[in-house]
Amino acid sequence: MTNRARTSRSTGSLVVVVSSSANTAASVVREFREELDVELTNVSPTGTYGKTFTFDGEQGHEIWRVYEGDIAEDWPYERDSFEGREPELDETYEATWMAPERLRGDVTFYDPVVLDDLD
């Protein structure tokens, strides 16, 4: 089975779409390499979260697997933001560091419970 991932520019989050038998941590590592040109190391799961919602009259369910890790290169930590790319769309976007507290107030984020666990 194949893994597919994409970034969500509207939320600033990395969204990984994988089959149930796929290794999601490996998908996250691959997407950081492909889209941000960095190596992600020491990847470990933080938690699994879910939420039901209604959109256009249809009920849906989202599940997020959240991971934390370290970027092997120093240069991303030395910048406030850097360029990422979406290879399938041949588009670039700005990747920006944000503290969990800023995500609570200034940026749309799906579920504050995720942020509580990141503090």
PDB file of N, CA and C in Angstrom:
ATOM      1  N   MET A   1       0.842  -1.176   0.000  1.00  0.00           N
ATOM      2  CA  MET A   1       0.000   0.000   0.000  1.00  0.00           C
ATOM      3  C   MET A   1       0.884   1.234   0.000  1.00  0.00           C
ATOM      4  N   THR A   2       0.413   2.260  -0.639  1.00  0.00           N
ATOM      5  CA  THR A   2       1.221   3.460  -0.728  1.00  0.00           C
ATOM      6  C   THR A   2       0.777   4.494   0.294  1.00  0.00           C
ATOM      7  N   ASN A   3       1.714   5.327   0.660  1.00  0.00           N
ATOM      8  CA  ASN A   3       1.449   6.456   1.544  1.00  0.00           C
ATOM      9  C   ASN A   3       1.358   7.702   0.679  1.00  0.00           C
ATOM     10  N   ARG A   4       0.550   8.645   1.089  1.00  0.00           N
ATOM     11  CA  ARG A   4       0.460   9.920   0.410  1.00  0.00           C
ATOM     12  C   ARG A   4       0.359  10.986   1.477  1.00  0.00           C
ATOM     13  N   ALA A   5       1.012  12.085   1.274  1.00  0.00           N
ATOM     14  CA  ALA A   5       0.926  13.151   2.256  1.00  0.00           C
ATOM     15  C   ALA A   5       0.843  14.491   1.546  1.00  0.00           C
ATOM     16  N   ARG A   6       0.335  15.467   2.247  1.00  0.00           N
ATOM     17  CA  ARG A   6       0.265  16.818   1.697  1.00  0.00           C
ATOM     18  C   ARG A   6       0.328  17.801   2.844  1.00  0.00           C
ATOM     19  N   THR A   7       0.654  19.020   2.524  1.00  0.00           N
ATOM     20  CA  THR A   7       0.593  20.050   3.539  1.00  0.00           C
ATOM     21  C   THR A   7      -0.708  20.804   3.382  1.00  0.00           C
ATOM     22  N   SER A   8      -1.207  21.306   4.467  1.00  0.00           N
ATOM     23  CA  SER A   8      -2.415  22.107   4.436  1.00  0.00           C
ATOM     24  C   SER A   8      -2.004  23.553   4.690  1.00  0.00           C
ATOM     25  N   ARG A   9      -1.943  24.340   3.628  1.00  0.00           N
ATOM     26  CA  ARG A   9      -1.517  25.729   3.804  1.00  0.00           C
ATOM     27  C   ARG A   9      -2.536  26.528   4.593  1.00  0.00           C
ATOM     28  N   SER A  10      -3.793  26.137   4.548  1.00  0.00           N
ATOM     29  CA  SER A  10      -4.813  26.904   5.266  1.00  0.00           C
ATOM     30  C   SER A  10      -4.640  26.802   6.775  1.00  0.00           C
ATOM     31  N   THR A  11      -4.122  25.687   7.254  1.00  0.00           N
ATOM     32  CA  THR A  11      -3.939  25.536   8.699  1.00  0.00           C
ATOM     33  C   THR A  11      -2.473  25.589   9.102  1.00  0.00           C
ATOM     34  N   GLY A  12      -1.570  25.490   8.133  1.00  0.00           N
ATOM     35  CA  GLY A  12      -0.156  25.485   8.449  1.00  0.00           C
ATOM     36  C   GLY A  12       0.312  24.163   9.016  1.00  0.00           C
ATOM     37  N   SER A  13      -0.490  23.143   8.920  1.00  0.00           N
ATOM     38  CA  SER A  13      -0.116  21.859   9.502  1.00  0.00           C
ATOM     39  C   SER A  13       0.260  20.875   8.408  1.00  0.00           C
ATOM     40  N   LEU A  14       1.027  19.882   8.791  1.00  0.00           N
ATOM     41  CA  LEU A  14       1.348  18.816   7.865  1.00  0.00           C
ATOM     42  C   LEU A  14       0.294  17.746   8.012  1.00  0.00           C
ATOM     43  N   VAL A  15      -0.383  17.425   6.932  1.00  0.00           N
ATOM     44  CA  VAL A  15      -1.435  16.430   6.949  1.00  0.00           C
ATOM     45  C   VAL A  15      -0.928  15.206   6.206  1.00  0.00           C
ATOM     46  N   VAL A  16      -0.907  14.072   6.874  1.00  0.00           N
ATOM     47  CA  VAL A  16      -0.425  12.848   6.267  1.00  0.00           C
ATOM     48  C   VAL A  16      -1.592  11.901   6.084  1.00  0.00           C
ATOM     49  N   VAL A  17      -1.807  11.448   4.854  1.00  0.00           N
ATOM     50  CA  VAL A  17      -2.878  10.512   4.549  1.00  0.00           C
ATOM     51  C   VAL A  17      -2.222   9.177   4.251  1.00  0.00           C
ATOM     52  N   VAL A  18      -2.507   8.162   5.075  1.00  0.00           N
ATOM     53  CA  VAL A  18      -1.852   6.867   4.919  1.00  0.00           C
ATOM     54  C   VAL A  18      -2.879   5.759   5.059  1.00  0.00           C
ATOM     55  N   SER A  19      -2.535   4.590   4.533  1.00  0.00           N
ATOM     56  CA  SER A  19      -3.407   3.443   4.730  1.00  0.00           C
ATOM     57  C   SER A  19      -3.251   2.958   6.167  1.00  0.00           C
ATOM     58  N   SER A  20      -4.190   2.167   6.621  1.00  0.00           N
ATOM     59  CA  SER A  20      -4.167   1.740   8.020  1.00  0.00           C
ATOM     60  C   SER A  20      -2.960   0.872   8.348  1.00  0.00           C
ATOM     61  N   SER A  21      -2.365   0.231   7.354  1.00  0.00           N
ATOM     62  CA  SER A  21      -1.212  -0.613   7.636  1.00  0.00           C
ATOM     63  C   SER A  21       0.114   0.118   7.425  1.00  0.00           C
ATOM     64  N   ALA A  22       0.063   1.370   7.040  1.00  0.00           N
ATOM     65  CA  ALA A  22       1.275   2.124   6.742  1.00  0.00           C
ATOM     66  C   ALA A  22       1.913   2.671   8.016  1.00  0.00           C
ATOM     67  N   ASN A  23       3.194   2.944   7.939  1.00  0.00           N
ATOM     68  CA  ASN A  23       3.934   3.510   9.054  1.00  0.00           C
ATOM     69  C   ASN A  23       3.843   5.031   8.967  1.00  0.00           C
ATOM     70  N   THR A  24       2.979   5.635   9.780  1.00  0.00           N
ATOM     71  CA  THR A  24       2.761   7.072   9.692  1.00  0.00           C
ATOM     72  C   THR A  24       3.994   7.862  10.102  1.00  0.00           C
ATOM     73  N   ALA A  25       4.794   7.385  11.052  1.00  0.00           N
ATOM     74  CA  ALA A  25       6.015   8.099  11.439  1.00  0.00           C
ATOM     75  C   ALA A  25       6.969   8.182  10.252  1.00  0.00           C
ATOM     76  N   ALA A  26       7.107   7.113   9.497  1.00  0.00           N
ATOM     77  CA  ALA A  26       7.963   7.131   8.309  1.00  0.00           C
ATOM     78  C   ALA A  26       7.420   8.100   7.265  1.00  0.00           C
ATOM     79  N   SER A  27       6.105   8.210   7.168  1.00  0.00           N
ATOM     80  CA  SER A  27       5.498   9.158   6.230  1.00  0.00           C
ATOM     81  C   SER A  27       5.807  10.591   6.618  1.00  0.00           C
ATOM     82  N   VAL A  28       5.757  10.891   7.907  1.00  0.00           N
ATOM     83  CA  VAL A  28       6.083  12.238   8.378  1.00  0.00           C
ATOM     84  C   VAL A  28       7.534  12.566   8.054  1.00  0.00           C
ATOM     85  N   VAL A  29       8.443  11.630   8.310  1.00  0.00           N
ATOM     86  CA  VAL A  29       9.864  11.840   8.011  1.00  0.00           C
ATOM     87  C   VAL A  29      10.043  12.116   6.515  1.00  0.00           C
ATOM     88  N   ARG A  30       9.384  11.309   5.680  1.00  0.00           N
ATOM     89  CA  ARG A  30       9.501  11.473   4.233  1.00  0.00           C
ATOM     90  C   ARG A  30       8.969  12.829   3.782  1.00  0.00           C
ATOM     91  N   GLU A  31       7.831  13.250   4.344  1.00  0.00           N
ATOM     92  CA  GLU A  31       7.248  14.525   3.927  1.00  0.00           C
ATOM     93  C   GLU A  31       8.102  15.715   4.356  1.00  0.00           C
ATOM     94  N   PHE A  32       8.709  15.655   5.532  1.00  0.00           N
ATOM     95  CA  PHE A  32       9.620  16.724   5.919  1.00  0.00           C
ATOM     96  C   PHE A  32      10.778  16.805   4.929  1.00  0.00           C
ATOM     97  N   ARG A  33      11.290  15.655   4.511  1.00  0.00           N
ATOM     98  CA  ARG A  33      12.396  15.627   3.547  1.00  0.00           C
ATOM     99  C   ARG A  33      11.943  16.194   2.200  1.00  0.00           C
ATOM    100  N   GLU A  34      10.801  15.719   1.693  1.00  0.00           N
ATOM    101  CA  GLU A  34      10.346  16.134   0.365  1.00  0.00           C
ATOM    102  C   GLU A  34       9.876  17.574   0.309  1.00  0.00           C
ATOM    103  N   GLU A  35       9.175  18.031   1.337  1.00  0.00           N
ATOM    104  CA  GLU A  35       8.556  19.350   1.263  1.00  0.00           C
ATOM    105  C   GLU A  35       9.360  20.457   1.934  1.00  0.00           C
ATOM    106  N   LEU A  36      10.157  20.119   2.937  1.00  0.00           N
ATOM    107  CA  LEU A  36      10.917  21.148   3.643  1.00  0.00           C
ATOM    108  C   LEU A  36      12.424  21.001   3.450  1.00  0.00           C
ATOM    109  N   ASP A  37      12.851  19.918   2.795  1.00  0.00           N
ATOM    110  CA  ASP A  37      14.262  19.655   2.507  1.00  0.00           C
ATOM    111  C   ASP A  37      15.095  19.560   3.786  1.00  0.00           C
ATOM    112  N   VAL A  38      14.536  18.902   4.798  1.00  0.00           N
ATOM    113  CA  VAL A  38      15.243  18.667   6.065  1.00  0.00           C
ATOM    114  C   VAL A  38      15.041  17.211   6.492  1.00  0.00           C
ATOM    115  N   GLU A  39      15.947  16.736   7.325  1.00  0.00           N
ATOM    116  CA  GLU A  39      15.833  15.385   7.874  1.00  0.00           C
ATOM    117  C   GLU A  39      15.248  15.464   9.274  1.00  0.00           C
ATOM    118  N   LEU A  40      14.191  14.732   9.523  1.00  0.00           N
ATOM    119  CA  LEU A  40      13.551  14.679  10.825  1.00  0.00           C
ATOM    120  C   LEU A  40      14.064  13.444  11.560  1.00  0.00           C
ATOM    121  N   THR A  41      14.558  13.630  12.792  1.00  0.00           N
ATOM    122  CA  THR A  41      15.108  12.534  13.588  1.00  0.00           C
ATOM    123  C   THR A  41      14.384  12.465  14.933  1.00  0.00           C
ATOM    124  N   ASN A  42      14.636  11.401  15.662  1.00  0.00           N
ATOM    125  CA  ASN A  42      14.056  11.223  17.002  1.00  0.00           C
ATOM    126  C   ASN A  42      12.537  11.393  16.997  1.00  0.00           C
ATOM    127  N   VAL A  43      11.899  10.822  15.995  1.00  0.00           N
ATOM    128  CA  VAL A  43      10.451  10.959  15.840  1.00  0.00           C
ATOM    129  C   VAL A  43       9.752  10.016  16.812  1.00  0.00           C
ATOM    130  N   SER A  44       8.826  10.582  17.586  1.00  0.00           N
ATOM    131  CA  SER A  44       8.054   9.767  18.516  1.00  0.00           C
ATOM    132  C   SER A  44       6.613  10.273  18.559  1.00  0.00           C
ATOM    133  N   PRO A  45       5.672   9.366  18.766  1.00  0.00           N
ATOM    134  CA  PRO A  45       4.262   9.779  18.807  1.00  0.00           C
ATOM    135  C   PRO A  45       3.959  10.575  20.073  1.00  0.00           C
ATOM    136  N   THR A  46       3.167  11.625  19.894  1.00  0.00           N
ATOM    137  CA  THR A  46       2.701  12.443  21.014  1.00  0.00           C
ATOM    138  C   THR A  46       1.308  12.006  21.434  1.00  0.00           C
ATOM    139  N   GLY A  47       0.478  11.653  20.447  1.00  0.00           N
ATOM    140  CA  GLY A  47      -0.875  11.215  20.755  1.00  0.00           C
ATOM    141  C   GLY A  47      -1.701  11.059  19.498  1.00  0.00           C
ATOM    142  N   THR A  48      -2.880  10.493  19.670  1.00  0.00           N
ATOM    143  CA  THR A  48      -3.848  10.344  18.595  1.00  0.00           C
ATOM    144  C   THR A  48      -5.116  11.057  19.032  1.00  0.00           C
ATOM    145  N   TYR A  49      -5.656  11.873  18.160  1.00  0.00           N
ATOM    146  CA  TYR A  49      -6.796  12.721  18.499  1.00  0.00           C
ATOM    147  C   TYR A  49      -7.851  12.577  17.419  1.00  0.00           C
ATOM    148  N   GLY A  50      -9.077  12.793  17.784  1.00  0.00           N
ATOM    149  CA  GLY A  50     -10.149  12.717  16.808  1.00  0.00           C
ATOM    150  C   GLY A  50     -11.226  13.731  17.105  1.00  0.00           C
ATOM    151  N   LYS A  51     -11.991  14.034  16.086  1.00  0.00           N
ATOM    152  CA  LYS A  51     -13.067  15.007  16.241  1.00  0.00           C
ATOM    153  C   LYS A  51     -14.113  14.745  15.171  1.00  0.00           C
ATOM    154  N   THR A  52     -15.375  14.801  15.549  1.00  0.00           N
ATOM    155  CA  THR A  52     -16.450  14.723  14.566  1.00  0.00           C
ATOM    156  C   THR A  52     -16.888  16.145  14.235  1.00  0.00           C
ATOM    157  N   PHE A  53     -17.401  16.330  13.039  1.00  0.00           N
ATOM    158  CA  PHE A  53     -17.795  17.659  12.599  1.00  0.00           C
ATOM    159  C   PHE A  53     -18.892  17.522  11.552  1.00  0.00           C
ATOM    160  N   THR A  54     -19.524  18.631  11.259  1.00  0.00           N
ATOM    161  CA  THR A  54     -20.508  18.685  10.192  1.00  0.00           C
ATOM    162  C   THR A  54     -20.077  19.753   9.202  1.00  0.00           C
ATOM    163  N   PHE A  55     -20.052  19.407   7.922  1.00  0.00           N
ATOM    164  CA  PHE A  55     -19.679  20.344   6.873  1.00  0.00           C
ATOM    165  C   PHE A  55     -20.624  20.140   5.700  1.00  0.00           C
ATOM    166  N   ASP A  56     -21.270  21.204   5.271  1.00  0.00           N
ATOM    167  CA  ASP A  56     -22.250  21.132   4.180  1.00  0.00           C
ATOM    168  C   ASP A  56     -23.309  20.064   4.433  1.00  0.00           C
ATOM    169  N   GLY A  57     -23.734  19.958   5.696  1.00  0.00           N
ATOM    170  CA  GLY A  57     -24.781  19.024   6.045  1.00  0.00           C
ATOM    171  C   GLY A  57     -24.349  17.579   6.179  1.00  0.00           C
ATOM    172  N   GLU A  58     -23.072  17.297   5.954  1.00  0.00           N
ATOM    173  CA  GLU A  58     -22.542  15.935   6.050  1.00  0.00           C
ATOM    174  C   GLU A  58     -21.694  15.809   7.314  1.00  0.00           C
ATOM    175  N   GLN A  59     -21.893  14.725   8.042  1.00  0.00           N
ATOM    176  CA  GLN A  59     -21.070  14.494   9.226  1.00  0.00           C
ATOM    177  C   GLN A  59     -19.773  13.802   8.807  1.00  0.00           C
ATOM    178  N   GLY A  60     -18.677  14.234   9.411  1.00  0.00           N
ATOM    179  CA  GLY A  60     -17.374  13.645   9.122  1.00  0.00           C
ATOM    180  C   GLY A  60     -16.617  13.369  10.406  1.00  0.00           C
ATOM    181  N   HIS A  61     -15.502  12.710  10.269  1.00  0.00           N
ATOM    182  CA  HIS A  61     -14.659  12.380  11.410  1.00  0.00           C
ATOM    183  C   HIS A  61     -13.203  12.506  10.972  1.00  0.00           C
ATOM    184  N   GLU A  62     -12.427  13.225  11.747  1.00  0.00           N
ATOM    185  CA  GLU A  62     -11.007  13.377  11.460  1.00  0.00           C
ATOM    186  C   GLU A  62     -10.204  12.742  12.582  1.00  0.00           C
ATOM    187  N   ILE A  63      -9.102  12.144  12.222  1.00  0.00           N
ATOM    188  CA  ILE A  63      -8.180  11.579  13.205  1.00  0.00           C
ATOM    189  C   ILE A  63      -6.805  12.142  12.913  1.00  0.00           C
ATOM    190  N   TRP A  64      -6.139  12.643  13.947  1.00  0.00           N
ATOM    191  CA  TRP A  64      -4.789  13.180  13.816  1.00  0.00           C
ATOM    192  C   TRP A  64      -3.850  12.344  14.655  1.00  0.00           C
ATOM    193  N   ARG A  65      -2.774  11.937  14.051  1.00  0.00           N
ATOM    194  CA  ARG A  65      -1.670  11.323  14.797  1.00  0.00           C
ATOM    195  C   ARG A  65      -0.583  12.380  14.853  1.00  0.00           C
ATOM    196  N   VAL A  66      -0.251  12.785  16.052  1.00  0.00           N
ATOM    197  CA  VAL A  66       0.703  13.871  16.246  1.00  0.00           C
ATOM    198  C   VAL A  66       2.039  13.284  16.684  1.00  0.00           C
ATOM    199  N   TYR A  67       3.106  13.765  16.039  1.00  0.00           N
ATOM    200  CA  TYR A  67       4.460  13.308  16.343  1.00  0.00           C
ATOM    201  C   TYR A  67       5.317  14.506  16.698  1.00  0.00           C
ATOM    202  N   GLU A  68       6.346  14.260  17.485  1.00  0.00           N
ATOM    203  CA  GLU A  68       7.353  15.283  17.688  1.00  0.00           C
ATOM    204  C   GLU A  68       8.690  14.701  17.265  1.00  0.00           C
ATOM    205  N   GLY A  69       9.603  15.573  16.903  1.00  0.00           N
ATOM    206  CA  GLY A  69      10.913  15.126  16.461  1.00  0.00           C
ATOM    207  C   GLY A  69      11.853  16.306  16.377  1.00  0.00           C
ATOM    208  N   ASP A  70      13.058  16.034  15.961  1.00  0.00           N
ATOM    209  CA  ASP A  70      14.094  17.059  15.821  1.00  0.00           C
ATOM    210  C   ASP A  70      14.485  17.176  14.364  1.00  0.00           C
ATOM    211  N   ILE A  71      14.730  18.391  13.923  1.00  0.00           N
ATOM    212  CA  ILE A  71      15.276  18.604  12.589  1.00  0.00           C
ATOM    213  C   ILE A  71      16.789  18.509  12.711  1.00  0.00           C
ATOM    214  N   ALA A  72      17.407  17.648  11.912  1.00  0.00           N
ATOM    215  CA  ALA A  72      18.847  17.389  12.019  1.00  0.00           C
ATOM    216  C   ALA A  72      19.680  18.621  11.663  1.00  0.00           C
ATOM    217  N   GLU A  73      19.232  19.393  10.716  1.00  0.00           N
ATOM    218  CA  GLU A  73      19.979  20.579  10.295  1.00  0.00           C
ATOM    219  C   GLU A  73      19.762  21.730  11.269  1.00  0.00           C
ATOM    220  N   ASP A  74      20.754  22.593  11.395  1.00  0.00           N
ATOM    221  CA  ASP A  74      20.644  23.758  12.280  1.00  0.00           C
ATOM    222  C   ASP A  74      19.916  24.926  11.632  1.00  0.00           C
ATOM    223  N   TRP A  75      20.044  25.068  10.312  1.00  0.00           N
ATOM    224  CA  TRP A  75      19.560  26.281   9.663  1.00  0.00           C
ATOM    225  C   TRP A  75      18.076  26.569   9.882  1.00  0.00           C
ATOM    226  N   PRO A  76      17.161  25.586   9.935  1.00  0.00           N
ATOM    227  CA  PRO A  76      15.757  25.961  10.144  1.00  0.00           C
ATOM    228  C   PRO A  76      15.521  26.628  11.506  1.00  0.00           C
ATOM    229  N   TYR A  77      16.296  26.214  12.516  1.00  0.00           N
ATOM    230  CA  TYR A  77      16.127  26.795  13.850  1.00  0.00           C
ATOM    231  C   TYR A  77      16.659  28.220  13.924  1.00  0.00           C
ATOM    232  N   GLU A  78      17.489  28.593  12.976  1.00  0.00           N
ATOM    233  CA  GLU A  78      18.101  29.925  12.961  1.00  0.00           C
ATOM    234  C   GLU A  78      17.245  30.951  12.233  1.00  0.00           C
ATOM    235  N   ARG A  79      16.118  30.537  11.694  1.00  0.00           N
ATOM    236  CA  ARG A  79      15.239  31.412  10.915  1.00  0.00           C
ATOM    237  C   ARG A  79      13.844  31.435  11.527  1.00  0.00           C
ATOM    238  N   ASP A  80      13.131  32.526  11.305  1.00  0.00           N
ATOM    239  CA  ASP A  80      11.732  32.604  11.733  1.00  0.00           C
ATOM    240  C   ASP A  80      10.819  31.826  10.795  1.00  0.00           C
ATOM    241  N   SER A  81      11.218  31.734   9.525  1.00  0.00           N
ATOM    242  CA  SER A  81      10.434  31.002   8.537  1.00  0.00           C
ATOM    243  C   SER A  81      11.360  30.570   7.405  1.00  0.00           C
ATOM    244  N   PHE A  82      10.884  29.638   6.601  1.00  0.00           N
ATOM    245  CA  PHE A  82      11.638  29.205   5.433  1.00  0.00           C
ATOM    246  C   PHE A  82      10.658  28.632   4.418  1.00  0.00           C
ATOM    247  N   GLU A  83      11.134  28.434   3.215  1.00  0.00           N
ATOM    248  CA  GLU A  83      10.262  28.007   2.124  1.00  0.00           C
ATOM    249  C   GLU A  83      10.078  26.499   2.100  1.00  0.00           C
ATOM    250  N   GLY A  84       8.841  26.088   1.938  1.00  0.00           N
ATOM    251  CA  GLY A  84       8.512  24.698   1.711  1.00  0.00           C
ATOM    252  C   GLY A  84       7.938  24.563   0.315  1.00  0.00           C
ATOM    253  N   ARG A  85       7.813  23.339  -0.155  1.00  0.00           N
ATOM    254  CA  ARG A  85       7.265  23.153  -1.504  1.00  0.00           C
ATOM    255  C   ARG A  85       6.310  21.963  -1.525  1.00  0.00           C
ATOM    256  N   GLU A  86       5.317  22.086  -2.351  1.00  0.00           N
ATOM    257  CA  GLU A  86       4.346  21.020  -2.595  1.00  0.00           C
ATOM    258  C   GLU A  86       4.671  20.458  -3.972  1.00  0.00           C
ATOM    259  N   PRO A  87       5.453  19.370  -4.038  1.00  0.00           N
ATOM    260  CA  PRO A  87       5.922  18.864  -5.332  1.00  0.00           C
ATOM    261  C   PRO A  87       4.798  18.494  -6.303  1.00  0.00           C
ATOM    262  N   GLU A  88       3.725  17.910  -5.813  1.00  0.00           N
ATOM    263  CA  GLU A  88       2.643  17.482  -6.708  1.00  0.00           C
ATOM    264  C   GLU A  88       1.961  18.661  -7.398  1.00  0.00           C
ATOM    265  N   LEU A  89       1.951  19.830  -6.738  1.00  0.00           N
ATOM    266  CA  LEU A  89       1.305  21.013  -7.305  1.00  0.00           C
ATOM    267  C   LEU A  89       2.321  21.997  -7.885  1.00  0.00           C
ATOM    268  N   ASP A  90       3.609  21.707  -7.690  1.00  0.00           N
ATOM    269  CA  ASP A  90       4.683  22.610  -8.116  1.00  0.00           C
ATOM    270  C   ASP A  90       4.468  24.009  -7.541  1.00  0.00           C
ATOM    271  N   GLU A  91       4.146  24.055  -6.240  1.00  0.00           N
ATOM    272  CA  GLU A  91       3.921  25.323  -5.537  1.00  0.00           C
ATOM    273  C   GLU A  91       4.832  25.400  -4.320  1.00  0.00           C
ATOM    274  N   THR A  92       5.113  26.636  -3.897  1.00  0.00           N
ATOM    275  CA  THR A  92       5.886  26.856  -2.674  1.00  0.00           C
ATOM    276  C   THR A  92       5.001  27.552  -1.644  1.00  0.00           C
ATOM    277  N   TYR A  93       5.394  27.454  -0.392  1.00  0.00           N
ATOM    278  CA  TYR A  93       4.679  28.114   0.703  1.00  0.00           C
ATOM    279  C   TYR A  93       5.681  28.466   1.783  1.00  0.00           C
ATOM    280  N   GLU A  94       5.276  29.320   2.707  1.00  0.00           N
ATOM    281  CA  GLU A  94       6.134  29.721   3.809  1.00  0.00           C
ATOM    282  C   GLU A  94       5.846  28.849   5.032  1.00  0.00           C
ATOM    283  N   ALA A  95       6.880  28.177   5.536  1.00  0.00           N
ATOM    284  CA  ALA A  95       6.779  27.411   6.779  1.00  0.00           C
ATOM    285  C   ALA A  95       7.268  28.323   7.902  1.00  0.00           C
ATOM    286  N   THR A  96       6.459  28.507   8.932  1.00  0.00           N
ATOM    287  CA  THR A  96       6.752  29.455   9.997  1.00  0.00           C
ATOM    288  C   THR A  96       6.707  28.761  11.348  1.00  0.00           C
ATOM    289  N   TRP A  97       7.704  29.044  12.186  1.00  0.00           N
ATOM    290  CA  TRP A  97       7.698  28.530  13.559  1.00  0.00           C
ATOM    291  C   TRP A  97       6.633  29.261  14.367  1.00  0.00           C
ATOM    292  N   MET A  98       5.840  28.535  15.128  1.00  0.00           N
ATOM    293  CA  MET A  98       4.836  29.156  15.990  1.00  0.00           C
ATOM    294  C   MET A  98       4.785  28.408  17.311  1.00  0.00           C
ATOM    295  N   ALA A  99       4.763  29.162  18.375  1.00  0.00           N
ATOM    296  CA  ALA A  99       4.598  28.579  19.699  1.00  0.00           C
ATOM    297  C   ALA A  99       3.156  28.118  19.857  1.00  0.00           C
ATOM    298  N   PRO A 100       2.932  27.049  20.633  1.00  0.00           N
ATOM    299  CA  PRO A 100       1.544  26.598  20.842  1.00  0.00           C
ATOM    300  C   PRO A 100       0.615  27.719  21.311  1.00  0.00           C
ATOM    301  N   GLU A 101       1.121  28.631  22.117  1.00  0.00           N
ATOM    302  CA  GLU A 101       0.275  29.721  22.626  1.00  0.00           C
ATOM    303  C   GLU A 101      -0.230  30.604  21.487  1.00  0.00           C
ATOM    304  N   ARG A 102       0.604  30.851  20.493  1.00  0.00           N
ATOM    305  CA  ARG A 102       0.161  31.656  19.354  1.00  0.00           C
ATOM    306  C   ARG A 102      -0.916  30.916  18.555  1.00  0.00           C
ATOM    307  N   LEU A 103      -0.786  29.617  18.451  1.00  0.00           N
ATOM    308  CA  LEU A 103      -1.787  28.840  17.724  1.00  0.00           C
ATOM    309  C   LEU A 103      -3.152  28.901  18.407  1.00  0.00           C
ATOM    310  N   ARG A 104      -3.148  29.094  19.723  1.00  0.00           N
ATOM    311  CA  ARG A 104      -4.419  29.182  20.457  1.00  0.00           C
ATOM    312  C   ARG A 104      -5.216  30.424  20.067  1.00  0.00           C
ATOM    313  N   GLY A 105      -4.527  31.540  19.814  1.00  0.00           N
ATOM    314  CA  GLY A 105      -5.254  32.782  19.628  1.00  0.00           C
ATOM    315  C   GLY A 105      -5.235  33.365  18.233  1.00  0.00           C
ATOM    316  N   ASP A 106      -4.128  33.193  17.515  1.00  0.00           N
ATOM    317  CA  ASP A 106      -3.962  33.914  16.264  1.00  0.00           C
ATOM    318  C   ASP A 106      -4.206  33.091  15.009  1.00  0.00           C
ATOM    319  N   VAL A 107      -4.162  31.801  15.102  1.00  0.00           N
ATOM    320  CA  VAL A 107      -4.203  30.951  13.923  1.00  0.00           C
ATOM    321  C   VAL A 107      -5.288  29.895  14.109  1.00  0.00           C
ATOM    322  N   THR A 108      -5.989  29.577  13.038  1.00  0.00           N
ATOM    323  CA  THR A 108      -6.986  28.519  13.104  1.00  0.00           C
ATOM    324  C   THR A 108      -6.277  27.190  13.316  1.00  0.00           C
ATOM    325  N   PHE A 109      -6.689  26.471  14.332  1.00  0.00           N
ATOM    326  CA  PHE A 109      -6.134  25.158  14.617  1.00  0.00           C
ATOM    327  C   PHE A 109      -7.288  24.240  14.944  1.00  0.00           C
ATOM    328  N   TYR A 110      -7.247  23.024  14.484  1.00  0.00           N
ATOM    329  CA  TYR A 110      -8.409  22.140  14.579  1.00  0.00           C
ATOM    330  C   TYR A 110      -8.885  21.867  16.007  1.00  0.00           C
ATOM    331  N   ASP A 111      -8.003  21.506  16.906  1.00  0.00           N
ATOM    332  CA  ASP A 111      -8.465  21.098  18.230  1.00  0.00           C
ATOM    333  C   ASP A 111      -7.482  21.549  19.308  1.00  0.00           C
ATOM    334  N   PRO A 112      -7.923  22.416  20.215  1.00  0.00           N
ATOM    335  CA  PRO A 112      -7.028  22.912  21.271  1.00  0.00           C
ATOM    336  C   PRO A 112      -6.481  21.815  22.182  1.00  0.00           C
ATOM    337  N   VAL A 113      -7.138  20.657  22.262  1.00  0.00           N
ATOM    338  CA  VAL A 113      -6.643  19.565  23.099  1.00  0.00           C
ATOM    339  C   VAL A 113      -5.242  19.147  22.648  1.00  0.00           C
ATOM    340  N   VAL A 114      -4.998  19.164  21.350  1.00  0.00           N
ATOM    341  CA  VAL A 114      -3.672  18.839  20.828  1.00  0.00           C
ATOM    342  C   VAL A 114      -2.643  19.811  21.414  1.00  0.00           C
ATOM    343  N   LEU A 115      -2.966  21.090  21.417  1.00  0.00           N
ATOM    344  CA  LEU A 115      -2.049  22.103  21.935  1.00  0.00           C
ATOM    345  C   LEU A 115      -1.803  21.917  23.429  1.00  0.00           C
ATOM    346  N   ASP A 116      -2.822  21.518  24.168  1.00  0.00           N
ATOM    347  CA  ASP A 116      -2.649  21.290  25.605  1.00  0.00           C
ATOM    348  C   ASP A 116      -1.576  20.230  25.857  1.00  0.00           C
ATOM    349  N   ASP A 117      -1.544  19.206  25.018  1.00  0.00           N
ATOM    350  CA  ASP A 117      -0.565  18.137  25.196  1.00  0.00           C
ATOM    351  C   ASP A 117       0.821  18.519  24.726  1.00  0.00           C
ATOM    352  N   LEU A 118       0.945  19.590  23.939  1.00  0.00           N
ATOM    353  CA  LEU A 118       2.251  20.046  23.457  1.00  0.00           C
ATOM    354  C   LEU A 118       2.931  20.971  24.446  1.00  0.00           C
ATOM    355  N   ASP A 119       2.186  21.544  25.366  1.00  0.00           N
ATOM    356  CA  ASP A 119       2.786  22.462  26.359  1.00  0.00           C
ATOM    357  C   ASP A 119       3.730  21.743  27.289  1.00  0.00           C
TER     358      ASP A 119
END
